[in-house]
Amino acid sequence: MAVIPQAPTATPPPYKLTSTPTPHPLAAAHPPTPTSASASAAMQMQAATTTTAARRLAPKPQPQANRCRPSSVSVVAAGRSRRRSARSSLRASASLDQEVKERASPAAGKSGQATRRDVRNIAIVAHVDHGKTTLVDSMLRQAKVFRDNQVVQERIMDSNDLERERGITILSKNTSITYKGTKINIIDTPGHSDFGGEVERVLNMVEGVLLVVDSVEGPMPQTRFVLKKALEFGHAVVVVVNKIDRPTARPEFVVNSTFELFIELNATDEQCDFQTVYASGIKGKAGLSPENLGDDLGPLFEAILRCIPEPRIEKDGALQLLVSNTEYDEHKGRIAIGRLHAGELQRGMEVKVCTPDDACRISKISELFVYQNFSRVPVDNVSAGDICAVCGINDIMIGETIADKVSGTPLPTIKIEEPTVRMSFSINTSPFVGKEGKYVTSRNLRDRLYRELERNLAMKVEDGETADTFLVSGRGTLHLTILIENMRREGFEFMIGPPKVINKTVDGKLQEPYEIAAVEVPEEYMGSVVELLGKRRGQMVDMQPSGPEGTTLLKYKIPTRGLIGLRNAVLTASRGTAILNTIFDSYGPWAGDLSSRDQGSLVAFEDGSTTSYALLNAQERGILFVSPGQDVYKGQIVGIHQRPGDLAINVCKKKAATNVRSNKETTEF
């Protein structure tokens, strides 16, 4: 029998037991793993009815049944109706089995599991440039986080200088809003595939995600990656079709494509019954149909409260907090950020910091913060289910568990996919060493690289062949490029080697990483792009029209080696009109040798300072990297040769200052 707690006479607390009276058999959320005879019979019936349903006879159990219904798109509704009817007998049988188990185990309702009705934890995930951060801006404004007369810059969540310069989100960030008495913790995540590690580690803190999809492009490679991770965690998904105000928007195609993506990723029935919200993030409007948008984002907030499950907690259990992110403050030191899974955390209490495989250590909480609106607010205690920031543990690492000092146990650590690209970092040995940077020794370089590992879980650092060389591995070239640029701005001076892919040997055979490349290109340049991808061992997977602008979407499976330097080549072949997106797919057989560079380098002929007179003649040989008045040394690469092979040129030549003018048209000095 289920146990129903007695509500106090005062205002009821924001907790409720999840053990409810036995549901109706037809209302069961998920079938358990079929072990009984009735479940086996139902399985055979289902396999005979539909092959699609037979693929997933034992779906992952959800925290609670999805309370949402999708928008009325005919194709999606028909597909879901067929899937639901095909599984009705299995659901009824499994529900009866579950009812028998619940009655046979009267202590099941006394597990102490509860939910917090006043909190929702969500992450906003999407492909790059689909409008996540802009949508968060509108949500913050309409939740009255800022004053009416307060000047707020665009994309306020992108606080990093590189994020603003490049227009992309690199680091995941936390904020919160309050809507109708419910606190909504929001995590803004990166959209580029190279920063997928940021998405993977923050999904531990939430119960649901907002999947933002562009109303024209539809699901893209990174959309597939982030959705796959969310479904693996069993999270509820609310699909937001953003930029619905675009003239070429095609919402029906986008919703159907998203639903097909759910099926491809083996989503459960309840996950496939996602709520669709149509929105314009830049205008701050949303609605449940593309033709009827509201005056604000009210329909989106309502969908979050209705469809995102309440946090499941153990209010009276032993303290457990999994650290999913860290920050650093000059005054407070290292700050650990995570979701409190069980118990209550108090300021000044002693805790145990541990991992599943290492020895535990005792620490003390000096300060405690929660996210309120757009800032961290100090508090004395935090209840389970909320996201908080903890100070006082200077050696805390991502993936560790802050547990009860006496009876606490560690939570499973965070697992991140392996890197695919490697570069070598070494100290600067050129003649110009020490002229630009502040930190030039191998000790400085080593300390900085290993400090990066404390926050960047998707990156790996290994010692190289020499004491002053380090091998740095990441998800892609952009992932490593951001690290290089950050270190340069911090005053580090070092040399880097060319990017190389990380190969594996499986059963004695060499395998290399493959990625899915999606290229949107106008039809008149499609031939040049197809030829370019073919030379790099790419295999076409799909080709379809993309919108009414006369563009075509090409999907290729291509070795990661072939993607190095591909972006600029594609832009050149398409006159700057193509859009290239990639996502890691899998490891496959070695594709053979391929040529990624058809051009050589321009090398400085001698030491000195460059002159306009010399560069005027040298620019006919290719593309130059240097400008007049810049110091160069012999052997330095100063440009890209327009033909194969390297060419030594003199970029320091000066015009003879005599009365005889051999070339009167050349007046540069």
Foldseek 3Di string as FASTA:
>chain_A
DADFDDADPPDGAQKGQPRDPQDQLQPDQFFADDDDPQLVVLLVQLVVQDVLLNVPSHADDAPDFFQFFAFDQPVLVVVLVSNSVSNRSNSSSRSVVVVVVCVVDVCPNVPLKMFGLQEAEEEEAEAWPLQQLLLVVQVLVVLPLDPPPDDADGSNVQPDPVCVVVVWRQAKDWAWGGDPRHIYIYIYATRAQQRCVRLQLCLVFHQAYEYRAEQFQAHDPSSLVSVLSNQVVNHAYAYEHEPLVDPQGDNSVNLVVVLVSCSVSVHDSSNSRHYYKYYYSNQQWIDSDSVDIDNHCVVVVVSSSNGGDTQIANQPDWWKWAFRAWDQDPPQGIKTKTATRYYKDFAFDKWWKAAPPDDIDIWTFHWKWAHYSHDTDTDGMDTHRGMIMTTGPNPDAHQIMTTHHPDGDYDHGRDDDEFWKKKKKFFDPDPCPPVQFDAGDLVVVVVLVVVVCRGRVRKDWDQDPDSGMIMITGNAPVSVVVVVVVCVVVRYHIDMDDMDTDWDADPNAIKHWKKKKKKKAAPVLPVVLVVLQVLQVWDWDDWDDRTPPRIIITITIGTSVLVVVVVVVSCVSRVNPMDMGMHTDGIDGDSDDGDNDFWAFEWEQAWDFFWPLQVVVVVVQFAFQDDGGHTDHGGDTGGIGPGHDYDYGHRHDDDDPDPDDPDVVDDTD
